[in-house]
């Protein structure tokens, strides 16, 4: 899902991704708010890997410092993307859908997006930050051709693979956390075995992702499949929450915007997020405040307002309870 960085299938030789590295790839366009940017200017520096492990199965890994804000646009093929953020945040748009990705402090999460047809794709970096993320992309042909065919051909699997821009977020199992760790820090193997090592873990991550998607598809109070209308209402509710900043919200207001009853909305959040609606709102706003503090954009008082708190002391207590660290220890940390 990430725009090509360096030569396809190879690590960037000197650990720097420059403007010219993006521009030399057909179909990729680059834009930046810095109109002084030249072809030799560095956009990112660090460790990168973009490799097709086998036909239809691609692994992308970044552990890098993004130096500047920029937006890269291209075409995204039909594929299932399994996305794991360890640090940093990125905004994406696929077709007319907007997606925001941000690492959760202390909680390892995954995101799966099914793209059932080619779409316009844009990736926007917010500026200087440390970005550590991993994406495994699998084409529908690979999903059906390989060992996942049995899953893909179940009623739930068929629906998931045909639901354009379906998005699924979940908390990683300990096994998935270990697989991600092993890809970032692989065992020292002879070069001939490295791709085989990475392929095995990428295949298992796709399989675990499919299992998480199918499990989420079945979550409701009665154990039946969550309906498409429920999924639409849940997405409307999340989008409405995200658009309202620190504005006071009630369950009834959110439910009315989502087109569902208040009790039905609470059921959906309990089933899919393991949180009440208000717990979800509080978590989203705290994470937004954390990101702003880390970038050095705001004071602690301003961050408390972003999170919807009128008292900085109450904000600090909630922040420490959620992230295990006080707000002052985070401020400006992402600038280093």
C-alpha atoms as a PDB file:
ATOM      1  CA  UNK A   1       0.000   0.000   0.000  1.00  0.00           C
ATOM      2  CA  UNK A   2       2.925   2.373   0.543  1.00  0.00           C
ATOM      3  CA  UNK A   3       4.281   4.352  -2.371  1.00  0.00           C
ATOM      4  CA  UNK A   4       7.415   2.854  -3.838  1.00  0.00           C
ATOM      5  CA  UNK A   5      10.544   3.880  -1.983  1.00  0.00           C
ATOM      6  CA  UNK A   6      13.855   3.100  -3.638  1.00  0.00           C
ATOM      7  CA  UNK A   7      14.141   0.494  -6.352  1.00  0.00           C
ATOM      8  CA  UNK A   8      11.367  -2.090  -6.184  1.00  0.00           C
ATOM      9  CA  UNK A   9      12.565  -5.127  -4.295  1.00  0.00           C
ATOM     10  CA  UNK A  10      15.632  -3.447  -2.800  1.00  0.00           C
ATOM     11  CA  UNK A  11      16.544  -1.470   0.267  1.00  0.00           C
ATOM     12  CA  UNK A  12      17.412   2.185  -0.361  1.00  0.00           C
ATOM     13  CA  UNK A  13      21.184   2.067  -0.744  1.00  0.00           C
ATOM     14  CA  UNK A  14      22.249   4.940   1.537  1.00  0.00           C
ATOM     15  CA  UNK A  15      19.206   5.000   3.808  1.00  0.00           C
ATOM     16  CA  UNK A  16      17.892   8.242   2.276  1.00  0.00           C
ATOM     17  CA  UNK A  17      14.747   8.658   0.187  1.00  0.00           C
ATOM     18  CA  UNK A  18      15.037  11.805  -1.906  1.00  0.00           C
ATOM     19  CA  UNK A  19      12.550  13.636  -4.061  1.00  0.00           C
ATOM     20  CA  UNK A  20      14.107  12.099  -7.181  1.00  0.00           C
ATOM     21  CA  UNK A  21      13.496   8.570  -5.793  1.00  0.00           C
ATOM     22  CA  UNK A  22       9.766   9.215  -5.932  1.00  0.00           C
ATOM     23  CA  UNK A  23       9.808  11.100  -9.225  1.00  0.00           C
ATOM     24  CA  UNK A  24      11.563   8.383 -11.217  1.00  0.00           C
ATOM     25  CA  UNK A  25       8.701   5.913 -10.735  1.00  0.00           C
ATOM     26  CA  UNK A  26       5.955   5.978 -13.342  1.00  0.00           C
ATOM     27  CA  UNK A  27       2.518   6.740 -11.927  1.00  0.00           C
ATOM     28  CA  UNK A  28       3.748   8.374  -8.706  1.00  0.00           C
ATOM     29  CA  UNK A  29       3.317  12.122  -8.155  1.00  0.00           C
ATOM     30  CA  UNK A  30       4.730  14.124  -5.269  1.00  0.00           C
ATOM     31  CA  UNK A  31       3.525  17.341  -3.653  1.00  0.00           C
ATOM     32  CA  UNK A  32       4.881  19.294  -0.689  1.00  0.00           C
ATOM     33  CA  UNK A  33       4.002  22.557   1.078  1.00  0.00           C
ATOM     34  CA  UNK A  34       7.706  23.465   0.765  1.00  0.00           C
ATOM     35  CA  UNK A  35       8.010  25.045  -2.699  1.00  0.00           C
ATOM     36  CA  UNK A  36      11.812  25.192  -2.322  1.00  0.00           C
ATOM     37  CA  UNK A  37      12.120  21.415  -2.371  1.00  0.00           C
ATOM     38  CA  UNK A  38      14.714  20.177  -4.880  1.00  0.00           C
ATOM     39  CA  UNK A  39      15.283  16.779  -6.480  1.00  0.00           C
ATOM     40  CA  UNK A  40      18.198  15.982  -4.162  1.00  0.00           C
ATOM     41  CA  UNK A  41      16.427  16.955  -0.957  1.00  0.00           C
ATOM     42  CA  UNK A  42      15.821  14.123   1.512  1.00  0.00           C
ATOM     43  CA  UNK A  43      12.230  13.295   2.445  1.00  0.00           C
ATOM     44  CA  UNK A  44      13.005  10.330   4.712  1.00  0.00           C
ATOM     45  CA  UNK A  45      16.084   8.604   6.082  1.00  0.00           C
ATOM     46  CA  UNK A  46      16.409   5.251   7.788  1.00  0.00           C
ATOM     47  CA  UNK A  47      15.806   1.608   6.957  1.00  0.00           C
ATOM     48  CA  UNK A  48      13.388   0.607   4.169  1.00  0.00           C
ATOM     49  CA  UNK A  49      12.370  -2.609   2.511  1.00  0.00           C
ATOM     50  CA  UNK A  50       9.894  -2.991  -0.356  1.00  0.00           C
ATOM     51  CA  UNK A  51       9.889  -6.491  -1.792  1.00  0.00           C
ATOM     52  CA  UNK A  52       7.607  -8.834  -3.714  1.00  0.00           C
ATOM     53  CA  UNK A  53       8.192 -12.063  -1.835  1.00  0.00           C
ATOM     54  CA  UNK A  54       6.251 -14.033  -4.404  1.00  0.00           C
ATOM     55  CA  UNK A  55       3.821 -13.027  -7.130  1.00  0.00           C
ATOM     56  CA  UNK A  56       0.939 -11.182  -5.488  1.00  0.00           C
ATOM     57  CA  UNK A  57       2.510 -10.998  -2.002  1.00  0.00           C
ATOM     58  CA  UNK A  58       4.401  -7.768  -1.187  1.00  0.00           C
ATOM     59  CA  UNK A  59       6.139  -6.722   2.025  1.00  0.00           C
ATOM     60  CA  UNK A  60       6.869  -3.078   2.867  1.00  0.00           C
ATOM     61  CA  UNK A  61       8.784  -2.082   6.015  1.00  0.00           C
ATOM     62  CA  UNK A  62       9.849   1.393   7.160  1.00  0.00           C
ATOM     63  CA  UNK A  63      11.874   2.354  10.220  1.00  0.00           C
ATOM     64  CA  UNK A  64      12.762   5.926   9.386  1.00  0.00           C
ATOM     65  CA  UNK A  65      12.691   9.599  10.215  1.00  0.00           C
ATOM     66  CA  UNK A  66      10.426  11.629   7.951  1.00  0.00           C
ATOM     67  CA  UNK A  67      12.155  14.964   7.414  1.00  0.00           C
ATOM     68  CA  UNK A  68       9.416  16.929   5.637  1.00  0.00           C
ATOM     69  CA  UNK A  69       5.687  17.012   5.078  1.00  0.00           C
ATOM     70  CA  UNK A  70       4.721  15.645   1.668  1.00  0.00           C
ATOM     71  CA  UNK A  71       1.941  13.859  -0.201  1.00  0.00           C
ATOM     72  CA  UNK A  72       2.569  11.023  -2.648  1.00  0.00           C
ATOM     73  CA  UNK A  73      -0.190   9.953  -5.046  1.00  0.00           C
ATOM     74  CA  UNK A  74      -0.469   6.872  -7.236  1.00  0.00           C
ATOM     75  CA  UNK A  75      -2.904   4.112  -8.236  1.00  0.00           C
ATOM     76  CA  UNK A  76      -3.611   1.333  -5.759  1.00  0.00           C
ATOM     77  CA  UNK A  77      -4.281  -2.093  -7.313  1.00  0.00           C
ATOM     78  CA  UNK A  78      -6.875  -4.591  -6.163  1.00  0.00           C
ATOM     79  CA  UNK A  79      -5.484  -6.068  -2.948  1.00  0.00           C
ATOM     80  CA  UNK A  80      -5.881  -6.824   0.739  1.00  0.00           C
ATOM     81  CA  UNK A  81      -3.553  -4.637   2.827  1.00  0.00           C
ATOM     82  CA  UNK A  82      -2.537  -5.741   6.328  1.00  0.00           C
ATOM     83  CA  UNK A  83      -1.125  -2.683   8.124  1.00  0.00           C
ATOM     84  CA  UNK A  84       0.754  -2.515  11.423  1.00  0.00           C
ATOM     85  CA  UNK A  85       1.878   0.828  12.917  1.00  0.00           C
ATOM     86  CA  UNK A  86       4.448   0.773  15.712  1.00  0.00           C
ATOM     87  CA  UNK A  87       5.307   4.454  15.746  1.00  0.00           C
ATOM     88  CA  UNK A  88       4.202   7.595  13.938  1.00  0.00           C
ATOM     89  CA  UNK A  89       1.068   8.573  12.044  1.00  0.00           C
ATOM     90  CA  UNK A  90       0.028   8.811   8.391  1.00  0.00           C
ATOM     91  CA  UNK A  91      -3.118  10.003   6.598  1.00  0.00           C
ATOM     92  CA  UNK A  92      -4.312   8.058   3.550  1.00  0.00           C
ATOM     93  CA  UNK A  93      -7.060   8.466   1.018  1.00  0.00           C
ATOM     94  CA  UNK A  94      -8.215   5.673  -1.249  1.00  0.00           C
ATOM     95  CA  UNK A  95     -10.812   6.747  -3.768  1.00  0.00           C
ATOM     96  CA  UNK A  96     -13.200   8.952  -1.791  1.00  0.00           C
ATOM     97  CA  UNK A  97     -12.429   7.333   1.589  1.00  0.00           C
ATOM     98  CA  UNK A  98     -10.160   8.872   4.208  1.00  0.00           C
ATOM     99  CA  UNK A  99      -8.083   6.780   6.610  1.00  0.00           C
ATOM    100  CA  UNK A 100      -5.915   7.858   9.543  1.00  0.00           C
ATOM    101  CA  UNK A 101      -3.221   5.591  10.962  1.00  0.00           C
ATOM    102  CA  UNK A 102      -1.527   6.222  14.275  1.00  0.00           C
ATOM    103  CA  UNK A 103       0.438   3.970  16.602  1.00  0.00           C
ATOM    104  CA  UNK A 104      -1.344   3.266  19.894  1.00  0.00           C
ATOM    105  CA  UNK A 105       0.947   3.628  22.878  1.00  0.00           C
ATOM    106  CA  UNK A 106       1.087   0.375  24.816  1.00  0.00           C
ATOM    107  CA  UNK A 107      -1.439  -1.387  22.538  1.00  0.00           C
ATOM    108  CA  UNK A 108      -0.431  -3.232  19.365  1.00  0.00           C
ATOM    109  CA  UNK A 109      -3.154  -2.909  16.734  1.00  0.00           C
ATOM    110  CA  UNK A 110      -3.637  -4.004  13.164  1.00  0.00           C
ATOM    111  CA  UNK A 111      -5.664  -2.543  10.317  1.00  0.00           C
ATOM    112  CA  UNK A 112      -6.905  -4.435   7.254  1.00  0.00           C
ATOM    113  CA  UNK A 113      -8.318  -2.724   4.168  1.00  0.00           C
ATOM    114  CA  UNK A 114      -9.808  -4.597   1.202  1.00  0.00           C
ATOM    115  CA  UNK A 115      -9.563  -2.753  -2.103  1.00  0.00           C
ATOM    116  CA  UNK A 116     -11.698  -4.616  -4.656  1.00  0.00           C
ATOM    117  CA  UNK A 117     -10.815  -2.455  -7.667  1.00  0.00           C
ATOM    118  CA  UNK A 118      -8.008  -0.049  -8.650  1.00  0.00           C
ATOM    119  CA  UNK A 119      -8.369   3.330  -6.948  1.00  0.00           C
ATOM    120  CA  UNK A 120      -6.567   6.646  -6.680  1.00  0.00           C
ATOM    121  CA  UNK A 121      -4.273   6.556  -3.649  1.00  0.00           C
ATOM    122  CA  UNK A 122      -2.707   9.398  -1.651  1.00  0.00           C
ATOM    123  CA  UNK A 123      -0.366   9.147   1.322  1.00  0.00           C
ATOM    124  CA  UNK A 124       0.169  12.320   3.353  1.00  0.00           C
ATOM    125  CA  UNK A 125       3.013  12.725   5.826  1.00  0.00           C
ATOM    126  CA  UNK A 126       2.440  15.272   8.584  1.00  0.00           C
ATOM    127  CA  UNK A 127       6.054  16.399   8.918  1.00  0.00           C
ATOM    128  CA  UNK A 128       9.051  15.402  10.982  1.00  0.00           C
ATOM    129  CA  UNK A 129       8.414  12.196  12.893  1.00  0.00           C
ATOM    130  CA  UNK A 130       9.786   8.717  13.526  1.00  0.00           C
ATOM    131  CA  UNK A 131       7.771   6.284  11.420  1.00  0.00           C
ATOM    132  CA  UNK A 132       7.887   2.535  12.041  1.00  0.00           C
ATOM    133  CA  UNK A 133       5.310   0.526  10.147  1.00  0.00           C
ATOM    134  CA  UNK A 134       4.844  -2.686   8.238  1.00  0.00           C
ATOM    135  CA  UNK A 135       2.432  -3.486   5.398  1.00  0.00           C
ATOM    136  CA  UNK A 136       1.776  -6.886   3.850  1.00  0.00           C
ATOM    137  CA  UNK A 137      -0.270  -6.665   0.625  1.00  0.00           C
ATOM    138  CA  UNK A 138      -1.897  -9.683  -0.999  1.00  0.00           C
ATOM    139  CA  UNK A 139      -3.668  -9.779  -4.348  1.00  0.00           C
ATOM    140  CA  UNK A 140      -6.988 -11.648  -4.663  1.00  0.00           C
ATOM    141  CA  UNK A 141      -5.246 -14.098  -7.014  1.00  0.00           C
ATOM    142  CA  UNK A 142      -2.696 -14.905  -4.325  1.00  0.00           C
ATOM    143  CA  UNK A 143      -5.397 -15.255  -1.673  1.00  0.00           C
ATOM    144  CA  UNK A 144      -7.296 -17.787  -3.754  1.00  0.00           C
ATOM    145  CA  UNK A 145      -4.301 -19.553  -5.224  1.00  0.00           C
ATOM    146  CA  UNK A 146      -2.579 -20.280  -1.929  1.00  0.00           C
ATOM    147  CA  UNK A 147      -3.523 -21.834   1.384  1.00  0.00           C
ATOM    148  CA  UNK A 148      -6.083 -19.117   2.241  1.00  0.00           C
ATOM    149  CA  UNK A 149      -8.480 -20.278  -0.459  1.00  0.00           C
ATOM    150  CA  UNK A 150     -10.564 -22.225   2.056  1.00  0.00           C
ATOM    151  CA  UNK A 151     -11.066 -19.105   4.193  1.00  0.00           C
ATOM    152  CA  UNK A 152     -11.755 -16.838   1.234  1.00  0.00           C
ATOM    153  CA  UNK A 153     -14.488 -19.169  -0.021  1.00  0.00           C
ATOM    154  CA  UNK A 154     -16.497 -19.156   3.214  1.00  0.00           C
ATOM    155  CA  UNK A 155     -19.603 -16.930   3.228  1.00  0.00           C
ATOM    156  CA  UNK A 156     -17.931 -14.451   5.587  1.00  0.00           C
ATOM    157  CA  UNK A 157     -14.637 -14.521   3.703  1.00  0.00           C
ATOM    158  CA  UNK A 158     -16.332 -13.963   0.344  1.00  0.00           C
ATOM    159  CA  UNK A 159     -18.242 -10.980   1.714  1.00  0.00           C
ATOM    160  CA  UNK A 160     -15.111  -9.454   3.237  1.00  0.00           C
ATOM    161  CA  UNK A 161     -13.071  -9.851   0.076  1.00  0.00           C
ATOM    162  CA  UNK A 162     -15.820  -8.247  -2.023  1.00  0.00           C
ATOM    163  CA  UNK A 163     -16.615  -5.345   0.307  1.00  0.00           C
ATOM    164  CA  UNK A 164     -14.820  -2.417  -1.359  1.00  0.00           C
ATOM    165  CA  UNK A 165     -12.661  -0.422   1.064  1.00  0.00           C
ATOM    166  CA  UNK A 166     -13.853  -2.466   4.018  1.00  0.00           C
ATOM    167  CA  UNK A 167     -11.744  -1.482   7.038  1.00  0.00           C
ATOM    168  CA  UNK A 168     -11.124  -3.724  10.047  1.00  0.00           C
ATOM    169  CA  UNK A 169      -9.131  -2.738  13.157  1.00  0.00           C
ATOM    170  CA  UNK A 170      -8.263  -5.103  15.963  1.00  0.00           C
ATOM    171  CA  UNK A 171      -5.856  -5.682  18.855  1.00  0.00           C
ATOM    172  CA  UNK A 172      -3.028  -8.001  17.863  1.00  0.00           C
ATOM    173  CA  UNK A 173      -2.640 -11.402  19.447  1.00  0.00           C
ATOM    174  CA  UNK A 174       0.713 -12.154  21.133  1.00  0.00           C
ATOM    175  CA  UNK A 175       1.615 -14.310  18.126  1.00  0.00           C
ATOM    176  CA  UNK A 176       1.033 -11.435  15.687  1.00  0.00           C
ATOM    177  CA  UNK A 177       3.082  -9.091  17.865  1.00  0.00           C
ATOM    178  CA  UNK A 178       5.939 -11.591  17.703  1.00  0.00           C
ATOM    179  CA  UNK A 179       5.640 -11.982  13.916  1.00  0.00           C
ATOM    180  CA  UNK A 180       5.855  -8.204  13.437  1.00  0.00           C
ATOM    181  CA  UNK A 181       8.849  -8.062  15.779  1.00  0.00           C
ATOM    182  CA  UNK A 182      10.623 -10.837  13.855  1.00  0.00           C
ATOM    183  CA  UNK A 183      10.201  -8.983  10.573  1.00  0.00           C
ATOM    184  CA  UNK A 184      11.657  -5.790  12.039  1.00  0.00           C
ATOM    185  CA  UNK A 185      14.483  -7.682  13.777  1.00  0.00           C
ATOM    186  CA  UNK A 186      15.091 -10.829  11.708  1.00  0.00           C
ATOM    187  CA  UNK A 187      17.437 -13.616  12.753  1.00  0.00           C
ATOM    188  CA  UNK A 188      20.898 -13.370  11.174  1.00  0.00           C
ATOM    189  CA  UNK A 189      20.577 -15.741   8.215  1.00  0.00           C
ATOM    190  CA  UNK A 190      22.546 -16.238   5.062  1.00  0.00           C
ATOM    191  CA  UNK A 191      21.171 -13.938   2.316  1.00  0.00           C
ATOM    192  CA  UNK A 192      19.666 -16.841   0.375  1.00  0.00           C
ATOM    193  CA  UNK A 193      17.312 -17.651   3.277  1.00  0.00           C
ATOM    194  CA  UNK A 194      16.256 -14.112   4.192  1.00  0.00           C
ATOM    195  CA  UNK A 195      13.408 -13.887   1.690  1.00  0.00           C
ATOM    196  CA  UNK A 196      12.133 -17.315   2.714  1.00  0.00           C
ATOM    197  CA  UNK A 197      12.217 -16.205   6.358  1.00  0.00           C
ATOM    198  CA  UNK A 198      10.275 -13.014   5.563  1.00  0.00           C
ATOM    199  CA  UNK A 199       7.805 -14.823   3.312  1.00  0.00           C
ATOM    200  CA  UNK A 200       6.883 -17.313   6.011  1.00  0.00           C
ATOM    201  CA  UNK A 201       6.096 -14.569   8.486  1.00  0.00           C
ATOM    202  CA  UNK A 202       4.247 -12.444   5.911  1.00  0.00           C
ATOM    203  CA  UNK A 203       2.039 -15.422   4.977  1.00  0.00           C
ATOM    204  CA  UNK A 204       1.227 -16.057   8.625  1.00  0.00           C
ATOM    205  CA  UNK A 205       0.385 -12.373   9.181  1.00  0.00           C
ATOM    206  CA  UNK A 206      -2.087 -12.464   6.273  1.00  0.00           C
ATOM    207  CA  UNK A 207      -3.652 -15.647   7.657  1.00  0.00           C
ATOM    208  CA  UNK A 208      -3.949 -14.128  11.149  1.00  0.00           C
ATOM    209  CA  UNK A 209      -5.408 -10.960   9.625  1.00  0.00           C
ATOM    210  CA  UNK A 210      -8.045 -12.947   7.752  1.00  0.00           C
ATOM    211  CA  UNK A 211      -8.940 -14.764  10.958  1.00  0.00           C
ATOM    212  CA  UNK A 212      -9.298 -11.445  12.805  1.00  0.00           C
ATOM    213  CA  UNK A 213     -11.507 -10.073  10.007  1.00  0.00           C
ATOM    214  CA  UNK A 214     -13.772 -13.101  10.093  1.00  0.00           C
ATOM    215  CA  UNK A 215     -13.999 -12.956  13.877  1.00  0.00           C
ATOM    216  CA  UNK A 216     -14.906  -9.261  13.788  1.00  0.00           C
ATOM    217  CA  UNK A 217     -17.515 -10.002  11.125  1.00  0.00           C
ATOM    218  CA  UNK A 218     -19.302 -12.323  13.553  1.00  0.00           C
ATOM    219  CA  UNK A 219     -19.288 -10.035  16.570  1.00  0.00           C
ATOM    220  CA  UNK A 220     -22.614  -9.064  17.942  1.00  0.00           C
ATOM    221  CA  UNK A 221     -24.435  -9.859  21.159  1.00  0.00           C
ATOM    222  CA  UNK A 222     -26.134 -12.938  19.766  1.00  0.00           C
ATOM    223  CA  UNK A 223     -23.091 -14.301  17.971  1.00  0.00           C
ATOM    224  CA  UNK A 224     -24.650 -13.791  14.535  1.00  0.00           C
ATOM    225  CA  UNK A 225     -22.960 -12.048  11.639  1.00  0.00           C
ATOM    226  CA  UNK A 226     -22.852  -8.280  11.955  1.00  0.00           C
ATOM    227  CA  UNK A 227     -25.071  -6.884   9.237  1.00  0.00           C
ATOM    228  CA  UNK A 228     -23.854  -4.538   6.527  1.00  0.00           C
ATOM    229  CA  UNK A 229     -26.169  -1.856   7.938  1.00  0.00           C
ATOM    230  CA  UNK A 230     -24.520  -2.232  11.365  1.00  0.00           C
ATOM    231  CA  UNK A 231     -21.124  -1.754   9.732  1.00  0.00           C
ATOM    232  CA  UNK A 232     -22.354   1.375   7.926  1.00  0.00           C
ATOM    233  CA  UNK A 233     -23.758   2.815  11.170  1.00  0.00           C
ATOM    234  CA  UNK A 234     -20.519   2.073  13.033  1.00  0.00           C
ATOM    235  CA  UNK A 235     -18.447   3.809  10.370  1.00  0.00           C
ATOM    236  CA  UNK A 236     -20.779   6.850  10.376  1.00  0.00           C
ATOM    237  CA  UNK A 237     -20.477   7.082  14.156  1.00  0.00           C
ATOM    238  CA  UNK A 238     -16.675   6.928  14.079  1.00  0.00           C
ATOM    239  CA  UNK A 239     -16.462   9.478  11.276  1.00  0.00           C
ATOM    240  CA  UNK A 240     -18.809  11.831  13.178  1.00  0.00           C
ATOM    241  CA  UNK A 241     -16.742  11.476  16.372  1.00  0.00           C
ATOM    242  CA  UNK A 242     -13.529  12.153  14.456  1.00  0.00           C
ATOM    243  CA  UNK A 243     -14.996  15.289  12.856  1.00  0.00           C
ATOM    244  CA  UNK A 244     -16.136  16.918  16.096  1.00  0.00           C
ATOM    245  CA  UNK A 245     -12.782  17.604  17.780  1.00  0.00           C
ATOM    246  CA  UNK A 246     -13.326  18.341  21.480  1.00  0.00           C
ATOM    247  CA  UNK A 247     -16.977  19.311  21.019  1.00  0.00           C
ATOM    248  CA  UNK A 248     -19.241  17.863  23.750  1.00  0.00           C
ATOM    249  CA  UNK A 249     -21.082  14.810  22.457  1.00  0.00           C
ATOM    250  CA  UNK A 250     -23.903  12.644  23.713  1.00  0.00           C
ATOM    251  CA  UNK A 251     -24.603   9.043  22.791  1.00  0.00           C
ATOM    252  CA  UNK A 252     -27.982  10.152  21.468  1.00  0.00           C
ATOM    253  CA  UNK A 253     -26.416  12.764  19.158  1.00  0.00           C
ATOM    254  CA  UNK A 254     -23.875  10.294  17.781  1.00  0.00           C
ATOM    255  CA  UNK A 255     -26.534   7.618  17.339  1.00  0.00           C
ATOM    256  CA  UNK A 256     -28.839  10.021  15.491  1.00  0.00           C
ATOM    257  CA  UNK A 257     -26.036  10.947  13.061  1.00  0.00           C
ATOM    258  CA  UNK A 258     -25.212   7.256  12.569  1.00  0.00           C
ATOM    259  CA  UNK A 259     -28.828   6.284  11.910  1.00  0.00           C
ATOM    260  CA  UNK A 260     -29.196   3.862  14.814  1.00  0.00           C
ATOM    261  CA  UNK A 261     -30.688   3.834  18.298  1.00  0.00           C
ATOM    262  CA  UNK A 262     -28.532   4.800  21.281  1.00  0.00           C
ATOM    263  CA  UNK A 263     -28.748   1.284  22.732  1.00  0.00           C
ATOM    264  CA  UNK A 264     -27.885  -0.216  19.350  1.00  0.00           C
ATOM    265  CA  UNK A 265     -24.857   2.048  19.068  1.00  0.00           C
ATOM    266  CA  UNK A 266     -23.640   1.040  22.524  1.00  0.00           C
ATOM    267  CA  UNK A 267     -24.017  -2.622  21.517  1.00  0.00           C
ATOM    268  CA  UNK A 268     -21.975  -2.111  18.365  1.00  0.00           C
ATOM    269  CA  UNK A 269     -19.133  -0.385  20.219  1.00  0.00           C
ATOM    270  CA  UNK A 270     -19.086  -3.013  22.951  1.00  0.00           C
ATOM    271  CA  UNK A 271     -18.957  -5.781  20.336  1.00  0.00           C
ATOM    272  CA  UNK A 272     -16.348  -4.272  18.011  1.00  0.00           C
ATOM    273  CA  UNK A 273     -14.211  -2.061  20.289  1.00  0.00           C
ATOM    274  CA  UNK A 274     -14.713  -3.662  23.711  1.00  0.00           C
ATOM    275  CA  UNK A 275     -15.468  -0.129  24.911  1.00  0.00           C
ATOM    276  CA  UNK A 276     -18.508   2.017  25.518  1.00  0.00           C
ATOM    277  CA  UNK A 277     -19.129   4.901  23.134  1.00  0.00           C
ATOM    278  CA  UNK A 278     -17.756   7.406  25.649  1.00  0.00           C
ATOM    279  CA  UNK A 279     -14.677   5.261  26.330  1.00  0.00           C
ATOM    280  CA  UNK A 280     -14.022   5.248  22.583  1.00  0.00           C
ATOM    281  CA  UNK A 281     -14.463   9.043  22.322  1.00  0.00           C
ATOM    282  CA  UNK A 282     -12.116   9.579  25.277  1.00  0.00           C
ATOM    283  CA  UNK A 283      -9.480   7.264  23.788  1.00  0.00           C
ATOM    284  CA  UNK A 284      -9.587   8.912  20.346  1.00  0.00           C
ATOM    285  CA  UNK A 285      -9.208  12.391  21.830  1.00  0.00           C
ATOM    286  CA  UNK A 286      -6.396  11.388  24.166  1.00  0.00           C
ATOM    287  CA  UNK A 287      -4.517   9.857  21.247  1.00  0.00           C
ATOM    288  CA  UNK A 288      -5.033  13.033  19.221  1.00  0.00           C
ATOM    289  CA  UNK A 289      -3.690  15.105  22.133  1.00  0.00           C
ATOM    290  CA  UNK A 290      -0.721  12.736  22.500  1.00  0.00           C
ATOM    291  CA  UNK A 291       0.187  13.168  18.814  1.00  0.00           C
ATOM    292  CA  UNK A 292      -0.020  16.970  19.056  1.00  0.00           C
ATOM    293  CA  UNK A 293       2.179  16.994  22.170  1.00  0.00           C
ATOM    294  CA  UNK A 294       4.734  14.702  20.588  1.00  0.00           C
ATOM    295  CA  UNK A 295       5.010  16.946  17.541  1.00  0.00           C
ATOM    296  CA  UNK A 296       5.552  19.905  19.870  1.00  0.00           C
ATOM    297  CA  UNK A 297       2.585  21.734  18.348  1.00  0.00           C
ATOM    298  CA  UNK A 298       0.793  22.524  21.623  1.00  0.00           C
ATOM    299  CA  UNK A 299       1.265  23.147  25.328  1.00  0.00           C
ATOM    300  CA  UNK A 300      -0.099  20.735  27.921  1.00  0.00           C
ATOM    301  CA  UNK A 301      -2.990  23.132  28.545  1.00  0.00           C
ATOM    302  CA  UNK A 302      -3.796  23.218  24.828  1.00  0.00           C
ATOM    303  CA  UNK A 303      -3.529  19.438  24.625  1.00  0.00           C
ATOM    304  CA  UNK A 304      -6.036  19.097  27.462  1.00  0.00           C
ATOM    305  CA  UNK A 305      -8.500  21.170  25.412  1.00  0.00           C
ATOM    306  CA  UNK A 306      -7.901  18.927  22.373  1.00  0.00           C
ATOM    307  CA  UNK A 307      -8.803  15.945  24.540  1.00  0.00           C
ATOM    308  CA  UNK A 308     -11.949  17.722  25.780  1.00  0.00           C
ATOM    309  CA  UNK A 309     -10.766  18.474  29.332  1.00  0.00           C
ATOM    310  CA  UNK A 310     -11.252  21.858  30.978  1.00  0.00           C
ATOM    311  CA  UNK A 311      -8.835  20.928  33.778  1.00  0.00           C
ATOM    312  CA  UNK A 312      -5.190  20.278  32.923  1.00  0.00           C
ATOM    313  CA  UNK A 313      -4.865  18.253  36.141  1.00  0.00           C
ATOM    314  CA  UNK A 314      -7.725  15.922  35.162  1.00  0.00           C
ATOM    315  CA  UNK A 315      -6.226  15.635  31.681  1.00  0.00           C
ATOM    316  CA  UNK A 316      -2.828  14.691  33.111  1.00  0.00           C
ATOM    317  CA  UNK A 317      -4.426  12.001  35.265  1.00  0.00           C
ATOM    318  CA  UNK A 318      -6.358  10.516  32.343  1.00  0.00           C
ATOM    319  CA  UNK A 319      -3.300  10.796  30.078  1.00  0.00           C
ATOM    320  CA  UNK A 320      -1.059   8.968  32.568  1.00  0.00           C
ATOM    321  CA  UNK A 321      -3.685   6.271  33.098  1.00  0.00           C
ATOM    322  CA  UNK A 322      -4.008   5.693  29.326  1.00  0.00           C
ATOM    323  CA  UNK A 323      -0.368   5.995  28.193  1.00  0.00           C
ATOM    324  CA  UNK A 324       1.573   5.268  31.378  1.00  0.00           C
ATOM    325  CA  UNK A 325       3.463   8.581  31.118  1.00  0.00           C
ATOM    326  CA  UNK A 326       2.795  12.215  32.054  1.00  0.00           C
ATOM    327  CA  UNK A 327       2.049  14.761  29.265  1.00  0.00           C
ATOM    328  CA  UNK A 328       5.151  16.869  29.980  1.00  0.00           C
ATOM    329  CA  UNK A 329       7.387  13.855  29.250  1.00  0.00           C
ATOM    330  CA  UNK A 330       5.895  13.522  25.768  1.00  0.00           C
ATOM    331  CA  UNK A 331       5.934  17.140  24.595  1.00  0.00           C
ATOM    332  CA  UNK A 332       8.291  17.636  21.652  1.00  0.00           C
ATOM    333  CA  UNK A 333       9.625  14.080  21.758  1.00  0.00           C
ATOM    334  CA  UNK A 334       8.767  13.483  18.087  1.00  0.00           C
ATOM    335  CA  UNK A 335      11.005  16.358  16.998  1.00  0.00           C
ATOM    336  CA  UNK A 336      14.228  14.607  17.882  1.00  0.00           C
END
